Amino acid sequence: MIDLATCSDFQLLSTAEVAGALRISQGAVRKAVRDGRLAAIGGFRVFYFSARSVRAFVQANGMILPQASTQSGDAERPPVETPAMDMPR
């Protein structure tokens, strides 16, 4: 997850990254763009957001930036192996 408090002002974020960082849906992010509440750089069917514009959106809407969760136990835990699925042919 992107930590908006520590990333560069000019880092470009995707719709999915903004939604994950703010813990809202991608649809809510797109609606904020349509309503003019969140500044975006539009591409062909894709939006990009500067971290600065996302922080301004958070401040203007009275939101609190979620803190990136860093759990020290996760780094020590080995990855979980999942068995491969047998696909019918």
N, C-alpha and C. Protein backbone atom coordinates (compact mmCIF):
# COMPACT_ATOMS: atom_id res chain seq x y z
N MET A 1 0.85 -1.17 0.00
CA MET A 1 0.00 0.00 0.00
C MET A 1 0.89 1.24 0.00
N ILE A 2 0.47 2.26 -0.71
CA ILE A 2 1.18 3.53 -0.80
C ILE A 2 0.99 4.30 0.51
N ASP A 3 2.07 4.85 1.05
CA ASP A 3 1.98 5.71 2.23
C ASP A 3 2.01 7.15 1.75
N LEU A 4 0.86 7.81 1.73
CA LEU A 4 0.76 9.16 1.21
C LEU A 4 1.51 10.18 2.06
N ALA A 5 1.75 9.87 3.32
CA ALA A 5 2.44 10.81 4.20
C ALA A 5 3.92 10.93 3.86
N THR A 6 4.50 9.89 3.26
CA THR A 6 5.94 9.90 3.03
C THR A 6 6.34 9.93 1.56
N CYS A 7 5.42 9.75 0.63
CA CYS A 7 5.81 9.72 -0.78
C CYS A 7 5.99 11.14 -1.32
N SER A 8 6.70 11.26 -2.42
CA SER A 8 6.98 12.53 -3.06
C SER A 8 5.68 13.20 -3.52
N ASP A 9 5.67 14.54 -3.49
CA ASP A 9 4.49 15.29 -3.94
C ASP A 9 4.14 15.00 -5.39
N PHE A 10 5.14 14.67 -6.19
CA PHE A 10 4.93 14.53 -7.62
C PHE A 10 4.84 13.07 -8.08
N GLN A 11 4.79 12.14 -7.15
CA GLN A 11 4.63 10.74 -7.51
C GLN A 11 3.23 10.55 -8.09
N LEU A 12 3.15 9.87 -9.23
CA LEU A 12 1.86 9.61 -9.85
C LEU A 12 1.29 8.30 -9.35
N LEU A 13 0.02 8.34 -8.98
CA LEU A 13 -0.66 7.18 -8.42
C LEU A 13 -1.82 6.81 -9.34
N SER A 14 -2.10 5.53 -9.43
CA SER A 14 -3.23 5.05 -10.21
C SER A 14 -4.51 5.14 -9.37
N THR A 15 -5.62 4.92 -10.02
CA THR A 15 -6.91 4.93 -9.32
C THR A 15 -6.92 3.86 -8.23
N ALA A 16 -6.40 2.69 -8.54
CA ALA A 16 -6.37 1.59 -7.56
C ALA A 16 -5.48 1.95 -6.37
N GLU A 17 -4.35 2.59 -6.61
CA GLU A 17 -3.45 2.97 -5.52
C GLU A 17 -4.08 4.03 -4.62
N VAL A 18 -4.78 5.00 -5.22
CA VAL A 18 -5.45 6.03 -4.42
C VAL A 18 -6.56 5.39 -3.60
N ALA A 19 -7.34 4.52 -4.22
CA ALA A 19 -8.43 3.85 -3.50
C ALA A 19 -7.88 3.03 -2.34
N GLY A 20 -6.79 2.32 -2.57
CA GLY A 20 -6.20 1.52 -1.49
C GLY A 20 -5.63 2.38 -0.38
N ALA A 21 -4.98 3.48 -0.74
CA ALA A 21 -4.38 4.35 0.26
C ALA A 21 -5.43 5.05 1.12
N LEU A 22 -6.56 5.41 0.50
CA LEU A 22 -7.62 6.10 1.23
C LEU A 22 -8.66 5.15 1.80
N ARG A 23 -8.54 3.88 1.43
CA ARG A 23 -9.48 2.84 1.88
C ARG A 23 -10.91 3.16 1.46
N ILE A 24 -11.03 3.54 0.18
CA ILE A 24 -12.33 3.75 -0.43
C ILE A 24 -12.36 2.97 -1.74
N SER A 25 -13.51 2.88 -2.36
CA SER A 25 -13.60 2.11 -3.61
C SER A 25 -13.05 2.92 -4.77
N GLN A 26 -12.69 2.21 -5.85
CA GLN A 26 -12.23 2.87 -7.05
C GLN A 26 -13.34 3.71 -7.66
N GLY A 27 -14.56 3.25 -7.53
CA GLY A 27 -15.71 4.02 -8.01
C GLY A 27 -15.85 5.36 -7.29
N ALA A 28 -15.57 5.36 -5.99
CA ALA A 28 -15.64 6.61 -5.22
C ALA A 28 -14.55 7.57 -5.67
N VAL A 29 -13.39 7.04 -6.04
CA VAL A 29 -12.30 7.89 -6.55
C VAL A 29 -12.71 8.51 -7.88
N ARG A 30 -13.25 7.69 -8.78
CA ARG A 30 -13.69 8.20 -10.09
C ARG A 30 -14.82 9.23 -9.94
N LYS A 31 -15.72 9.01 -8.98
CA LYS A 31 -16.81 9.96 -8.73
C LYS A 31 -16.26 11.28 -8.23
N ALA A 32 -15.24 11.25 -7.38
CA ALA A 32 -14.63 12.49 -6.89
C ALA A 32 -13.98 13.26 -8.04
N VAL A 33 -13.44 12.55 -9.02
CA VAL A 33 -12.87 13.21 -10.20
C VAL A 33 -13.98 13.85 -11.02
N ARG A 34 -15.06 13.10 -11.28
CA ARG A 34 -16.19 13.63 -12.06
C ARG A 34 -16.81 14.86 -11.39
N ASP A 35 -16.88 14.84 -10.06
CA ASP A 35 -17.47 15.96 -9.31
C ASP A 35 -16.53 17.15 -9.21
N GLY A 36 -15.28 16.99 -9.62
CA GLY A 36 -14.31 18.08 -9.56
C GLY A 36 -13.67 18.25 -8.19
N ARG A 37 -13.84 17.28 -7.32
CA ARG A 37 -13.26 17.38 -5.98
C ARG A 37 -11.84 16.85 -5.91
N LEU A 38 -11.44 16.05 -6.87
CA LEU A 38 -10.10 15.45 -6.89
C LEU A 38 -9.47 15.69 -8.25
N ALA A 39 -8.33 16.37 -8.26
CA ALA A 39 -7.65 16.68 -9.51
C ALA A 39 -6.95 15.43 -10.04
N ALA A 40 -7.11 15.18 -11.34
CA ALA A 40 -6.53 14.00 -11.97
C ALA A 40 -5.89 14.38 -13.29
N ILE A 41 -4.94 13.56 -13.69
CA ILE A 41 -4.33 13.67 -15.00
C ILE A 41 -4.98 12.56 -15.82
N GLY A 42 -5.73 12.94 -16.83
CA GLY A 42 -6.49 11.96 -17.59
C GLY A 42 -5.69 11.39 -18.73
N GLY A 43 -5.79 10.10 -18.87
CA GLY A 43 -5.22 9.41 -20.01
C GLY A 43 -6.37 8.77 -20.76
N PHE A 44 -6.07 7.84 -21.62
CA PHE A 44 -7.12 7.13 -22.33
C PHE A 44 -7.73 6.10 -21.39
N ARG A 45 -8.89 6.42 -20.84
CA ARG A 45 -9.63 5.56 -19.90
C ARG A 45 -8.87 5.29 -18.61
N VAL A 46 -7.86 6.10 -18.30
CA VAL A 46 -7.07 5.91 -17.09
C VAL A 46 -6.87 7.26 -16.43
N PHE A 47 -6.93 7.30 -15.12
CA PHE A 47 -6.62 8.51 -14.37
C PHE A 47 -5.34 8.29 -13.59
N TYR A 48 -4.55 9.34 -13.50
CA TYR A 48 -3.38 9.35 -12.63
C TYR A 48 -3.51 10.54 -11.71
N PHE A 49 -2.99 10.40 -10.50
CA PHE A 49 -3.13 11.43 -9.48
C PHE A 49 -1.77 11.71 -8.87
N SER A 50 -1.46 13.00 -8.66
CA SER A 50 -0.24 13.32 -7.94
C SER A 50 -0.54 13.16 -6.45
N ALA A 51 0.46 12.78 -5.71
CA ALA A 51 0.28 12.59 -4.27
C ALA A 51 -0.15 13.91 -3.63
N ARG A 52 0.33 15.03 -4.17
CA ARG A 52 -0.04 16.34 -3.64
C ARG A 52 -1.55 16.57 -3.79
N SER A 53 -2.13 16.23 -4.94
CA SER A 53 -3.56 16.45 -5.15
C SER A 53 -4.39 15.53 -4.26
N VAL A 54 -3.90 14.33 -4.01
CA VAL A 54 -4.63 13.41 -3.13
C VAL A 54 -4.60 13.93 -1.70
N ARG A 55 -3.43 14.43 -1.26
CA ARG A 55 -3.35 15.01 0.09
C ARG A 55 -4.28 16.22 0.23
N ALA A 56 -4.36 17.05 -0.82
CA ALA A 56 -5.26 18.21 -0.79
C ALA A 56 -6.71 17.76 -0.71
N PHE A 57 -7.06 16.70 -1.43
CA PHE A 57 -8.40 16.13 -1.38
C PHE A 57 -8.73 15.65 0.03
N VAL A 58 -7.78 14.98 0.65
CA VAL A 58 -7.99 14.46 2.01
C VAL A 58 -8.23 15.61 2.98
N GLN A 59 -7.40 16.65 2.87
CA GLN A 59 -7.52 17.78 3.78
C GLN A 59 -8.83 18.55 3.53
N ALA A 60 -9.21 18.75 2.28
CA ALA A 60 -10.42 19.50 1.96
C ALA A 60 -11.69 18.78 2.41
N ASN A 61 -11.64 17.46 2.48
CA ASN A 61 -12.82 16.68 2.85
C ASN A 61 -12.80 16.24 4.30
N GLY A 62 -11.86 16.75 5.09
CA GLY A 62 -11.81 16.43 6.51
C GLY A 62 -11.48 14.98 6.81
N MET A 63 -10.80 14.33 5.88
CA MET A 63 -10.43 12.94 6.07
C MET A 63 -9.10 12.87 6.83
N ILE A 64 -8.79 11.72 7.34
CA ILE A 64 -7.51 11.47 8.01
C ILE A 64 -6.78 10.43 7.19
N LEU A 65 -5.50 10.70 6.90
CA LEU A 65 -4.71 9.74 6.14
C LEU A 65 -4.50 8.48 6.95
N PRO A 66 -4.87 7.33 6.42
CA PRO A 66 -4.61 6.08 7.13
C PRO A 66 -3.11 5.83 7.20
N GLN A 67 -2.65 5.36 8.31
CA GLN A 67 -1.24 5.04 8.47
C GLN A 67 -0.96 3.69 7.84
N ALA A 68 0.16 3.61 7.14
CA ALA A 68 0.56 2.33 6.55
C ALA A 68 0.90 1.38 7.69
N SER A 69 0.30 0.22 7.67
CA SER A 69 0.54 -0.74 8.75
C SER A 69 1.82 -1.49 8.47
N THR A 70 2.74 -1.39 9.40
CA THR A 70 3.99 -2.13 9.31
C THR A 70 4.08 -3.01 10.54
N GLN A 71 3.93 -4.27 10.33
CA GLN A 71 4.00 -5.21 11.43
C GLN A 71 5.35 -5.91 11.37
N SER A 72 6.09 -5.86 12.46
CA SER A 72 7.44 -6.44 12.46
C SER A 72 7.39 -7.95 12.32
N GLY A 73 6.31 -8.59 12.73
CA GLY A 73 6.22 -10.04 12.65
C GLY A 73 6.09 -10.55 11.23
N ASP A 74 5.61 -9.72 10.31
CA ASP A 74 5.43 -10.15 8.93
C ASP A 74 6.74 -10.42 8.23
N ALA A 75 7.77 -9.65 8.55
CA ALA A 75 9.05 -9.81 7.86
C ALA A 75 9.73 -11.12 8.27
N GLU A 76 9.45 -11.60 9.47
CA GLU A 76 10.10 -12.81 9.96
C GLU A 76 9.36 -14.07 9.56
N ARG A 77 8.11 -13.95 9.21
CA ARG A 77 7.29 -15.10 8.88
C ARG A 77 7.60 -15.56 7.46
N PRO A 78 7.82 -16.87 7.25
CA PRO A 78 8.09 -17.35 5.89
C PRO A 78 6.82 -17.27 5.05
N PRO A 79 6.97 -17.13 3.74
CA PRO A 79 5.78 -17.06 2.88
C PRO A 79 5.00 -18.36 2.90
N VAL A 80 3.71 -18.25 2.78
CA VAL A 80 2.84 -19.42 2.79
C VAL A 80 2.79 -19.98 1.37
N GLU A 81 3.04 -21.28 1.27
CA GLU A 81 3.00 -21.92 -0.03
C GLU A 81 1.60 -22.47 -0.26
N THR A 82 1.07 -22.18 -1.42
CA THR A 82 -0.25 -22.70 -1.77
C THR A 82 -0.09 -23.70 -2.90
N PRO A 83 -0.78 -24.82 -2.80
CA PRO A 83 -0.64 -25.83 -3.86
C PRO A 83 -1.25 -25.34 -5.16
N ALA A 84 -0.65 -25.73 -6.25
CA ALA A 84 -1.15 -25.36 -7.56
C ALA A 84 -2.44 -26.12 -7.84
N MET A 85 -3.36 -25.46 -8.52
CA MET A 85 -4.62 -26.13 -8.85
C MET A 85 -4.42 -26.97 -10.11
N ASP A 86 -4.99 -28.14 -10.07
CA ASP A 86 -4.97 -28.98 -11.28
C ASP A 86 -6.10 -28.53 -12.18
N MET A 87 -5.74 -28.07 -13.35
CA MET A 87 -6.73 -27.59 -14.30
C MET A 87 -7.12 -28.73 -15.23
N PRO A 88 -8.42 -28.95 -15.42
CA PRO A 88 -8.83 -30.01 -16.36
C PRO A 88 -8.47 -29.61 -17.79
N ARG A 89 -8.15 -30.61 -18.55
CA ARG A 89 -7.77 -30.35 -19.94
C ARG A 89 -8.85 -30.74 -20.88
